[in-house]
Amino acid sequence: MNNLLCSVLLIFVTAIILIDAQCNYIYTNDKYLDPEAFGSSTLEEDQSGCDQRCTTNTQCTGAFFAPEPVNICYLYEAPLISLYLDLDLTQCEDSCNQMDECITWSLGGRFQRCLLFNVDLDNLPSNVGQRDADGETIAEKQCLK
């Protein structure tokens, strides 16, 4: 009976530790992540139309509408899990913190694209490049357990 009680307590304590894990970020400045789109279209007229195209495609996990030089809707797949526009550094990090599956994020570009990924930098596929650019940021979540 004592062994069973100890096992239950150990599982309970382990669960509390995992729930309360302290997470920090390792930042890489002046770089951003640039995933290749698996599809694009010039039929949409705005971001909401682009988002709608993404929701009807089972492969799509994020969409980006670029109005210049011509209207183009880009569709992205995993490991990208979400894409936001016009965020600052704090807002992008907060967006990642709100998603348990978010491990890596990148912020930058003309539209201040915040890209959230469900893999660490070492496990990004070859279709996600790292580019140099002043003022851009990549952050990777590191949690102590």
N, C-alpha and C. Protein backbone atom coordinates (compact mmCIF):
# COMPACT_ATOMS: atom_id res chain seq x y z
N MET A 1 0.82 -1.19 0.00
CA MET A 1 0.00 0.00 0.00
C MET A 1 0.86 1.25 0.00
N ASN A 2 1.96 1.24 0.75
CA ASN A 2 2.83 2.42 0.79
C ASN A 2 3.46 2.69 -0.57
N ASN A 3 3.82 1.65 -1.30
CA ASN A 3 4.40 1.84 -2.63
C ASN A 3 3.39 2.47 -3.58
N LEU A 4 2.14 2.05 -3.48
CA LEU A 4 1.10 2.63 -4.33
C LEU A 4 0.90 4.10 -4.00
N LEU A 5 0.86 4.43 -2.71
CA LEU A 5 0.69 5.82 -2.29
C LEU A 5 1.86 6.68 -2.77
N CYS A 6 3.08 6.16 -2.63
CA CYS A 6 4.26 6.89 -3.10
C CYS A 6 4.20 7.11 -4.61
N SER A 7 3.77 6.10 -5.35
CA SER A 7 3.68 6.24 -6.81
C SER A 7 2.67 7.30 -7.20
N VAL A 8 1.52 7.31 -6.52
CA VAL A 8 0.49 8.31 -6.81
C VAL A 8 1.01 9.70 -6.49
N LEU A 9 1.67 9.86 -5.35
CA LEU A 9 2.22 11.17 -4.98
C LEU A 9 3.28 11.62 -5.97
N LEU A 10 4.12 10.70 -6.42
CA LEU A 10 5.16 11.05 -7.38
C LEU A 10 4.54 11.52 -8.70
N ILE A 11 3.52 10.84 -9.15
CA ILE A 11 2.84 11.26 -10.38
C ILE A 11 2.21 12.63 -10.20
N PHE A 12 1.58 12.87 -9.04
CA PHE A 12 0.95 14.16 -8.76
C PHE A 12 1.97 15.28 -8.74
N VAL A 13 3.09 15.07 -8.05
CA VAL A 13 4.13 16.09 -7.96
C VAL A 13 4.74 16.35 -9.34
N THR A 14 4.98 15.30 -10.11
CA THR A 14 5.52 15.46 -11.46
C THR A 14 4.57 16.28 -12.32
N ALA A 15 3.28 16.02 -12.22
CA ALA A 15 2.30 16.78 -13.00
C ALA A 15 2.33 18.26 -12.63
N ILE A 16 2.43 18.55 -11.34
CA ILE A 16 2.49 19.95 -10.90
C ILE A 16 3.74 20.62 -11.44
N ILE A 17 4.86 19.93 -11.39
CA ILE A 17 6.11 20.50 -11.89
C ILE A 17 6.00 20.78 -13.38
N LEU A 18 5.44 19.85 -14.15
CA LEU A 18 5.31 20.06 -15.58
C LEU A 18 4.36 21.22 -15.90
N ILE A 19 3.28 21.33 -15.14
CA ILE A 19 2.33 22.43 -15.37
C ILE A 19 2.99 23.76 -15.05
N ASP A 20 3.80 23.80 -13.99
CA ASP A 20 4.43 25.04 -13.56
C ASP A 20 5.81 25.24 -14.16
N ALA A 21 6.11 24.55 -15.26
CA ALA A 21 7.44 24.66 -15.86
C ALA A 21 7.75 26.11 -16.20
N GLN A 22 8.97 26.51 -15.90
CA GLN A 22 9.42 27.86 -16.22
C GLN A 22 9.94 27.87 -17.65
N CYS A 23 9.41 28.75 -18.44
CA CYS A 23 9.86 28.84 -19.83
C CYS A 23 10.49 30.20 -20.09
N ASN A 24 11.56 30.17 -20.83
CA ASN A 24 12.24 31.38 -21.29
C ASN A 24 12.48 31.23 -22.78
N TYR A 25 12.95 32.29 -23.38
CA TYR A 25 13.25 32.25 -24.81
C TYR A 25 14.73 32.52 -25.05
N ILE A 26 15.26 31.83 -26.04
CA ILE A 26 16.58 32.13 -26.56
C ILE A 26 16.34 32.92 -27.83
N TYR A 27 16.84 34.15 -27.86
CA TYR A 27 16.59 35.06 -28.98
C TYR A 27 17.76 35.07 -29.95
N THR A 28 17.44 35.13 -31.21
CA THR A 28 18.42 35.35 -32.27
C THR A 28 18.00 36.63 -32.98
N ASN A 29 18.83 37.65 -32.85
CA ASN A 29 18.50 38.95 -33.44
C ASN A 29 19.02 39.06 -34.86
N ASP A 30 18.38 39.92 -35.62
CA ASP A 30 18.75 40.24 -37.00
C ASP A 30 18.63 39.04 -37.93
N LYS A 31 17.70 38.14 -37.61
CA LYS A 31 17.36 37.00 -38.47
C LYS A 31 15.85 36.79 -38.39
N TYR A 32 15.31 36.18 -39.43
CA TYR A 32 13.90 35.79 -39.40
C TYR A 32 13.73 34.48 -40.15
N LEU A 33 12.62 33.80 -39.87
CA LEU A 33 12.30 32.55 -40.54
C LEU A 33 11.40 32.85 -41.74
N ASP A 34 11.70 32.19 -42.83
CA ASP A 34 11.01 32.46 -44.09
C ASP A 34 10.52 31.14 -44.71
N PRO A 35 9.31 30.68 -44.33
CA PRO A 35 8.81 29.43 -44.90
C PRO A 35 8.37 29.62 -46.35
N GLU A 36 8.57 28.59 -47.15
CA GLU A 36 8.07 28.62 -48.53
C GLU A 36 6.57 28.34 -48.52
N ALA A 37 5.84 29.09 -49.29
CA ALA A 37 4.40 28.83 -49.43
C ALA A 37 4.22 27.60 -50.31
N PHE A 38 3.23 26.78 -49.99
CA PHE A 38 2.96 25.62 -50.85
C PHE A 38 1.96 25.98 -51.94
N GLY A 39 1.33 27.14 -51.82
CA GLY A 39 0.38 27.56 -52.83
C GLY A 39 0.19 29.06 -52.80
N SER A 40 -0.26 29.60 -53.92
CA SER A 40 -0.55 31.03 -53.97
C SER A 40 -1.69 31.26 -54.96
N SER A 41 -2.33 32.41 -54.79
CA SER A 41 -3.48 32.72 -55.62
C SER A 41 -3.60 34.23 -55.77
N THR A 42 -4.09 34.68 -56.89
CA THR A 42 -4.34 36.11 -57.10
C THR A 42 -5.84 36.40 -57.14
N LEU A 43 -6.66 35.43 -56.71
CA LEU A 43 -8.11 35.60 -56.76
C LEU A 43 -8.66 36.39 -55.57
N GLU A 44 -7.97 36.36 -54.43
CA GLU A 44 -8.46 37.03 -53.23
C GLU A 44 -8.15 38.52 -53.28
N GLU A 45 -8.98 39.30 -52.58
CA GLU A 45 -8.81 40.75 -52.59
C GLU A 45 -8.34 41.30 -51.25
N ASP A 46 -8.32 40.46 -50.20
CA ASP A 46 -7.89 40.94 -48.89
C ASP A 46 -7.49 39.75 -48.01
N GLN A 47 -7.05 40.04 -46.77
CA GLN A 47 -6.59 39.00 -45.86
C GLN A 47 -7.72 38.03 -45.50
N SER A 48 -8.93 38.53 -45.32
CA SER A 48 -10.03 37.63 -44.94
C SER A 48 -10.33 36.62 -46.05
N GLY A 49 -10.25 37.04 -47.30
CA GLY A 49 -10.43 36.11 -48.41
C GLY A 49 -9.32 35.08 -48.46
N CYS A 50 -8.12 35.52 -48.15
CA CYS A 50 -6.96 34.62 -48.10
C CYS A 50 -7.14 33.60 -46.95
N ASP A 51 -7.59 34.09 -45.79
CA ASP A 51 -7.85 33.20 -44.65
C ASP A 51 -8.92 32.17 -45.00
N GLN A 52 -9.94 32.60 -45.72
CA GLN A 52 -11.01 31.69 -46.13
C GLN A 52 -10.47 30.60 -47.05
N ARG A 53 -9.59 30.97 -47.98
CA ARG A 53 -8.98 29.98 -48.87
C ARG A 53 -8.20 28.95 -48.04
N CYS A 54 -7.52 29.42 -47.00
CA CYS A 54 -6.75 28.52 -46.14
C CYS A 54 -7.66 27.54 -45.41
N THR A 55 -8.78 28.02 -44.88
CA THR A 55 -9.67 27.15 -44.11
C THR A 55 -10.30 26.06 -44.97
N THR A 56 -10.35 26.25 -46.27
CA THR A 56 -10.93 25.23 -47.14
C THR A 56 -9.87 24.25 -47.67
N ASN A 57 -8.63 24.41 -47.24
CA ASN A 57 -7.53 23.54 -47.68
C ASN A 57 -6.97 22.83 -46.46
N THR A 58 -7.08 21.51 -46.41
CA THR A 58 -6.66 20.75 -45.23
C THR A 58 -5.16 20.81 -44.99
N GLN A 59 -4.39 21.13 -45.98
CA GLN A 59 -2.94 21.23 -45.85
C GLN A 59 -2.53 22.57 -45.23
N CYS A 60 -3.37 23.58 -45.30
CA CYS A 60 -3.03 24.94 -44.92
C CYS A 60 -3.13 25.16 -43.41
N THR A 61 -2.08 25.76 -42.83
CA THR A 61 -2.08 26.12 -41.42
C THR A 61 -1.93 27.62 -41.21
N GLY A 62 -1.70 28.37 -42.27
CA GLY A 62 -1.58 29.83 -42.17
C GLY A 62 -1.60 30.46 -43.55
N ALA A 63 -2.13 31.69 -43.62
CA ALA A 63 -2.23 32.38 -44.90
C ALA A 63 -1.75 33.82 -44.74
N PHE A 64 -1.15 34.34 -45.80
CA PHE A 64 -0.65 35.72 -45.79
C PHE A 64 -1.05 36.39 -47.09
N PHE A 65 -1.69 37.54 -46.97
CA PHE A 65 -2.12 38.31 -48.13
C PHE A 65 -1.16 39.48 -48.34
N ALA A 66 -0.51 39.51 -49.49
CA ALA A 66 0.42 40.60 -49.84
C ALA A 66 -0.24 41.47 -50.89
N PRO A 67 -0.60 42.71 -50.53
CA PRO A 67 -1.31 43.57 -51.48
C PRO A 67 -0.43 44.20 -52.55
N GLU A 68 0.88 44.20 -52.35
CA GLU A 68 1.77 44.87 -53.30
C GLU A 68 2.83 43.90 -53.80
N PRO A 69 3.26 43.93 -55.01
CA PRO A 69 2.84 44.82 -56.09
C PRO A 69 1.50 44.41 -56.70
N VAL A 70 1.11 43.14 -56.54
CA VAL A 70 -0.23 42.70 -56.95
C VAL A 70 -0.80 41.87 -55.80
N ASN A 71 -2.10 41.74 -55.74
CA ASN A 71 -2.73 40.95 -54.67
C ASN A 71 -2.35 39.48 -54.82
N ILE A 72 -1.62 38.96 -53.82
CA ILE A 72 -1.25 37.55 -53.83
C ILE A 72 -1.54 36.97 -52.45
N CYS A 73 -2.21 35.83 -52.43
CA CYS A 73 -2.50 35.09 -51.21
C CYS A 73 -1.54 33.90 -51.15
N TYR A 74 -0.72 33.85 -50.10
CA TYR A 74 0.22 32.75 -49.92
C TYR A 74 -0.31 31.80 -48.86
N LEU A 75 -0.25 30.50 -49.12
CA LEU A 75 -0.69 29.48 -48.19
C LEU A 75 0.51 28.72 -47.64
N TYR A 76 0.49 28.47 -46.32
CA TYR A 76 1.59 27.80 -45.65
C TYR A 76 1.08 26.56 -44.93
N GLU A 77 2.01 25.61 -44.72
CA GLU A 77 1.68 24.36 -44.04
C GLU A 77 2.55 24.18 -42.81
N ALA A 78 2.26 23.13 -42.02
CA ALA A 78 3.04 22.81 -40.83
C ALA A 78 4.51 22.63 -41.23
N PRO A 79 5.42 23.04 -40.38
CA PRO A 79 5.26 23.28 -38.95
C PRO A 79 4.78 24.68 -38.56
N LEU A 80 4.45 25.52 -39.54
CA LEU A 80 3.83 26.80 -39.20
C LEU A 80 2.45 26.50 -38.62
N ILE A 81 2.17 27.04 -37.43
CA ILE A 81 0.87 26.76 -36.82
C ILE A 81 -0.02 28.00 -36.77
N SER A 82 0.57 29.17 -36.91
CA SER A 82 -0.24 30.39 -36.94
C SER A 82 0.58 31.54 -37.50
N LEU A 83 -0.12 32.51 -38.06
CA LEU A 83 0.53 33.67 -38.67
C LEU A 83 -0.30 34.90 -38.33
N TYR A 84 0.37 35.92 -37.79
CA TYR A 84 -0.30 37.18 -37.44
C TYR A 84 0.43 38.33 -38.13
N LEU A 85 -0.30 39.40 -38.40
CA LEU A 85 0.28 40.58 -39.04
C LEU A 85 0.26 41.77 -38.09
N ASP A 86 1.21 42.67 -38.30
CA ASP A 86 1.28 43.94 -37.58
C ASP A 86 1.36 43.78 -36.07
N LEU A 87 2.17 42.83 -35.60
CA LEU A 87 2.39 42.67 -34.17
C LEU A 87 3.76 43.21 -33.81
N ASP A 88 3.92 43.60 -32.55
CA ASP A 88 5.25 43.96 -32.06
C ASP A 88 5.84 42.73 -31.37
N LEU A 89 7.06 42.88 -30.87
CA LEU A 89 7.79 41.76 -30.27
C LEU A 89 7.02 41.14 -29.11
N THR A 90 6.51 41.97 -28.21
CA THR A 90 5.79 41.48 -27.04
C THR A 90 4.51 40.75 -27.45
N GLN A 91 3.78 41.29 -28.40
CA GLN A 91 2.54 40.66 -28.85
C GLN A 91 2.81 39.31 -29.52
N CYS A 92 3.88 39.22 -30.28
CA CYS A 92 4.23 37.96 -30.94
C CYS A 92 4.59 36.90 -29.89
N GLU A 93 5.40 37.30 -28.91
CA GLU A 93 5.78 36.36 -27.85
C GLU A 93 4.56 35.93 -27.05
N ASP A 94 3.68 36.87 -26.73
CA ASP A 94 2.45 36.53 -26.01
C ASP A 94 1.59 35.55 -26.80
N SER A 95 1.53 35.72 -28.11
CA SER A 95 0.77 34.80 -28.96
C SER A 95 1.33 33.39 -28.86
N CYS A 96 2.64 33.26 -28.84
CA CYS A 96 3.28 31.95 -28.70
C CYS A 96 2.99 31.37 -27.31
N ASN A 97 3.07 32.21 -26.28
CA ASN A 97 2.83 31.74 -24.92
C ASN A 97 1.42 31.21 -24.73
N GLN A 98 0.48 31.69 -25.49
CA GLN A 98 -0.91 31.26 -25.37
C GLN A 98 -1.19 29.93 -26.05
N MET A 99 -0.20 29.41 -26.78
CA MET A 99 -0.38 28.14 -27.49
C MET A 99 0.65 27.14 -26.97
N ASP A 100 0.17 26.07 -26.33
CA ASP A 100 1.08 25.07 -25.78
C ASP A 100 1.99 24.48 -26.84
N GLU A 101 1.48 24.32 -28.06
CA GLU A 101 2.28 23.68 -29.11
C GLU A 101 3.31 24.61 -29.73
N CYS A 102 3.26 25.90 -29.42
CA CYS A 102 4.22 26.84 -30.00
C CYS A 102 5.58 26.70 -29.33
N ILE A 103 6.61 26.47 -30.14
CA ILE A 103 7.98 26.30 -29.64
C ILE A 103 8.89 27.40 -30.16
N THR A 104 8.69 27.81 -31.38
CA THR A 104 9.56 28.81 -32.02
C THR A 104 8.69 29.87 -32.68
N TRP A 105 9.14 31.13 -32.60
CA TRP A 105 8.44 32.19 -33.33
C TRP A 105 9.44 33.10 -33.99
N SER A 106 8.94 33.80 -34.99
CA SER A 106 9.77 34.73 -35.76
C SER A 106 8.94 35.97 -36.03
N LEU A 107 9.58 37.14 -35.91
CA LEU A 107 8.89 38.39 -36.18
C LEU A 107 9.73 39.24 -37.10
N GLY A 108 9.09 39.76 -38.14
CA GLY A 108 9.82 40.67 -39.02
C GLY A 108 9.14 40.85 -40.35
N GLY A 109 9.85 41.55 -41.19
CA GLY A 109 9.34 41.82 -42.53
C GLY A 109 8.57 43.11 -42.58
N ARG A 110 8.26 43.50 -43.79
CA ARG A 110 7.56 44.77 -44.02
C ARG A 110 6.20 44.80 -43.33
N PHE A 111 5.55 43.65 -43.19
CA PHE A 111 4.22 43.60 -42.58
C PHE A 111 4.27 43.15 -41.12
N GLN A 112 5.49 43.13 -40.52
CA GLN A 112 5.67 42.65 -39.14
C GLN A 112 4.93 41.32 -38.95
N ARG A 113 5.29 40.35 -39.79
CA ARG A 113 4.69 39.02 -39.71
C ARG A 113 5.21 38.29 -38.48
N CYS A 114 4.29 37.81 -37.66
CA CYS A 114 4.61 36.96 -36.52
C CYS A 114 4.26 35.54 -36.93
N LEU A 115 5.27 34.69 -37.05
CA LEU A 115 5.09 33.31 -37.48
C LEU A 115 5.33 32.39 -36.29
N LEU A 116 4.39 31.51 -35.99
CA LEU A 116 4.52 30.57 -34.88
C LEU A 116 4.71 29.16 -35.44
N PHE A 117 5.67 28.44 -34.86
CA PHE A 117 6.00 27.09 -35.32
C PHE A 117 5.92 26.10 -34.16
N ASN A 118 5.62 24.84 -34.48
CA ASN A 118 5.52 23.81 -33.44
C ASN A 118 6.76 22.91 -33.36
N VAL A 119 7.88 23.37 -33.87
CA VAL A 119 9.15 22.65 -33.78
C VAL A 119 10.25 23.63 -33.38
N ASP A 120 11.35 23.06 -32.85
CA ASP A 120 12.48 23.92 -32.52
C ASP A 120 13.31 24.19 -33.78
N LEU A 121 14.28 25.07 -33.65
CA LEU A 121 15.08 25.46 -34.82
C LEU A 121 15.80 24.29 -35.46
N ASP A 122 16.25 23.34 -34.64
CA ASP A 122 16.97 22.18 -35.18
C ASP A 122 16.08 21.26 -36.02
N ASN A 123 14.78 21.34 -35.83
CA ASN A 123 13.86 20.44 -36.53
C ASN A 123 13.00 21.13 -37.58
N LEU A 124 13.36 22.35 -37.94
CA LEU A 124 12.64 23.01 -39.03
C LEU A 124 12.97 22.30 -40.34
N PRO A 125 11.98 22.08 -41.19
CA PRO A 125 12.25 21.43 -42.47
C PRO A 125 13.01 22.36 -43.41
N SER A 126 13.52 21.79 -44.46
CA SER A 126 14.35 22.55 -45.40
C SER A 126 13.58 23.65 -46.12
N ASN A 127 12.26 23.59 -46.12
CA ASN A 127 11.49 24.64 -46.80
C ASN A 127 11.26 25.87 -45.92
N VAL A 128 11.87 25.89 -44.73
CA VAL A 128 11.83 27.07 -43.86
C VAL A 128 13.25 27.59 -43.74
N GLY A 129 13.53 28.68 -44.42
CA GLY A 129 14.87 29.24 -44.41
C GLY A 129 15.06 30.27 -43.31
N GLN A 130 16.32 30.46 -42.92
CA GLN A 130 16.68 31.55 -42.01
C GLN A 130 17.34 32.64 -42.84
N ARG A 131 16.83 33.83 -42.72
CA ARG A 131 17.34 34.97 -43.48
C ARG A 131 17.88 36.03 -42.54
N ASP A 132 18.89 36.76 -43.01
CA ASP A 132 19.46 37.88 -42.25
C ASP A 132 18.70 39.15 -42.57
N ALA A 133 18.37 39.92 -41.53
CA ALA A 133 17.71 41.21 -41.73
C ALA A 133 17.79 42.00 -40.43
N ASP A 134 18.24 43.22 -40.53
CA ASP A 134 18.35 44.08 -39.35
C ASP A 134 16.99 44.25 -38.68
N GLY A 135 16.98 44.12 -37.36
CA GLY A 135 15.78 44.38 -36.58
C GLY A 135 14.80 43.23 -36.48
N GLU A 136 15.06 42.12 -37.15
CA GLU A 136 14.16 40.97 -37.09
C GLU A 136 14.56 40.08 -35.92
N THR A 137 13.67 39.17 -35.51
CA THR A 137 13.94 38.33 -34.34
C THR A 137 13.39 36.93 -34.54
N ILE A 138 14.17 35.94 -34.08
CA ILE A 138 13.71 34.56 -33.94
C ILE A 138 13.83 34.23 -32.46
N ALA A 139 12.84 33.53 -31.92
CA ALA A 139 12.90 33.12 -30.52
C ALA A 139 12.49 31.66 -30.41
N GLU A 140 13.23 30.93 -29.56
CA GLU A 140 12.95 29.52 -29.35
C GLU A 140 12.68 29.30 -27.86
N LYS A 141 11.55 28.67 -27.57
CA LYS A 141 11.13 28.44 -26.18
C LYS A 141 11.98 27.35 -25.55
N GLN A 142 12.47 27.62 -24.36
CA GLN A 142 13.22 26.65 -23.57
C GLN A 142 12.54 26.55 -22.22
N CYS A 143 12.03 25.37 -21.88
CA CYS A 143 11.31 25.19 -20.61
C CYS A 143 12.09 24.27 -19.69
N LEU A 144 12.18 24.67 -18.43
CA LEU A 144 12.80 23.84 -17.40
C LEU A 144 11.71 22.97 -16.81
N LYS A 145 12.00 21.70 -16.68
CA LYS A 145 10.99 20.78 -16.14
C LYS A 145 11.46 20.19 -14.85
